[in-house]
Amino acid sequence: MKEDIIYKKLNFKARRGMKETTHVINKIMNNYKSLSLSEKEELEELLDMNDQDLFDLIFKDNLNFKKKFPNIKRYVE
């Protein structure tokens, strides 16, 4: 039950203003139930970022993205 509430909150936060970041977030959210605890924690941290910072990190500074989010980087590759 608690997991469902967390998923709903994260799914709401996953709605982004940029289609590129939305696409990446949706790839992760579509696999939410199979994510490990560390992947879920990274997802929460990722969702706390604003769209422009997230876009820059994923598409302009991908090496730092992979360092900061090593467990979910596979969804961006």
Protein backbone atom coordinates (compact mmCIF):
# COMPACT_ATOMS: atom_id res chain seq x y z
CA MET A 1 0.00 0.00 0.00
CA LYS A 2 2.71 2.47 0.97
CA GLU A 3 4.60 1.60 -2.22
CA ASP A 4 1.52 2.55 -4.28
CA ILE A 5 1.34 5.95 -2.61
CA ILE A 6 5.04 6.57 -3.24
CA TYR A 7 4.61 5.53 -6.88
CA LYS A 8 1.68 7.91 -7.33
CA LYS A 9 3.64 10.80 -5.84
CA LEU A 10 6.64 10.07 -8.04
CA ASN A 11 4.46 9.62 -11.10
CA PHE A 12 2.95 13.05 -10.47
CA LYS A 13 6.43 14.58 -10.12
CA ALA A 14 7.46 12.81 -13.33
CA ARG A 15 5.31 15.15 -15.40
CA ARG A 16 7.89 17.44 -16.91
CA GLY A 17 7.77 20.51 -19.09
CA MET A 18 10.31 19.27 -21.63
CA LYS A 19 9.58 16.30 -23.85
CA GLU A 20 13.21 15.13 -23.74
CA THR A 21 13.32 14.93 -19.95
CA THR A 22 9.81 13.48 -19.85
CA HIS A 23 10.92 10.69 -22.17
CA VAL A 24 13.86 9.76 -19.93
CA ILE A 25 11.78 9.91 -16.74
CA ASN A 26 9.01 7.82 -18.32
CA LYS A 27 11.51 5.12 -19.28
CA ILE A 28 12.46 4.83 -15.63
CA MET A 29 8.90 5.09 -14.30
CA ASN A 30 7.74 2.34 -16.68
CA ASN A 31 10.11 0.01 -14.83
CA TYR A 32 9.36 1.32 -11.34
CA LYS A 33 8.19 -1.97 -9.84
CA SER A 34 11.42 -3.71 -10.83
CA LEU A 35 13.74 -0.94 -9.61
CA SER A 36 16.06 -1.64 -6.72
CA LEU A 37 15.94 0.53 -3.61
CA SER A 38 19.03 2.46 -4.72
CA GLU A 39 17.48 3.07 -8.15
CA LYS A 40 14.30 4.35 -6.51
CA GLU A 41 16.32 6.69 -4.32
CA GLU A 42 18.16 8.03 -7.36
CA LEU A 43 14.85 8.47 -9.18
CA GLU A 44 13.52 10.56 -6.29
CA GLU A 45 16.64 12.73 -6.38
CA LEU A 46 16.34 13.06 -10.15
CA LEU A 47 12.70 14.15 -9.87
CA ASP A 48 13.67 16.88 -7.40
CA MET A 49 15.71 18.59 -10.13
CA ASN A 50 14.18 21.29 -12.30
CA ASP A 51 13.75 20.57 -16.00
CA GLN A 52 16.57 22.74 -17.30
CA ASP A 53 19.14 21.35 -14.85
CA LEU A 54 17.98 17.82 -15.60
CA PHE A 55 18.17 18.41 -19.35
CA ASP A 56 21.66 19.89 -19.06
CA LEU A 57 22.88 17.03 -16.89
CA ILE A 58 21.49 14.31 -19.16
CA PHE A 59 22.19 15.78 -22.58
CA LYS A 60 25.07 18.20 -22.09
CA ASP A 61 26.99 16.72 -19.16
CA ASN A 62 26.25 13.02 -19.49
CA LEU A 63 29.44 11.91 -17.73
CA ASN A 64 28.42 13.75 -14.57
CA PHE A 65 24.93 12.30 -14.89
CA LYS A 66 26.42 8.80 -14.92
CA LYS A 67 28.55 9.62 -11.87
CA LYS A 68 25.70 11.17 -9.93
CA PHE A 69 23.12 8.52 -10.88
CA PRO A 70 25.11 5.32 -11.47
CA ASN A 71 22.17 3.00 -10.83
CA ILE A 72 19.73 4.55 -13.29
CA LYS A 73 22.18 5.61 -15.97
CA ARG A 74 21.21 2.59 -18.07
CA TYR A 75 17.87 4.24 -18.84
CA VAL A 76 19.66 7.14 -20.51
CA GLU A 77 22.16 5.15 -22.56
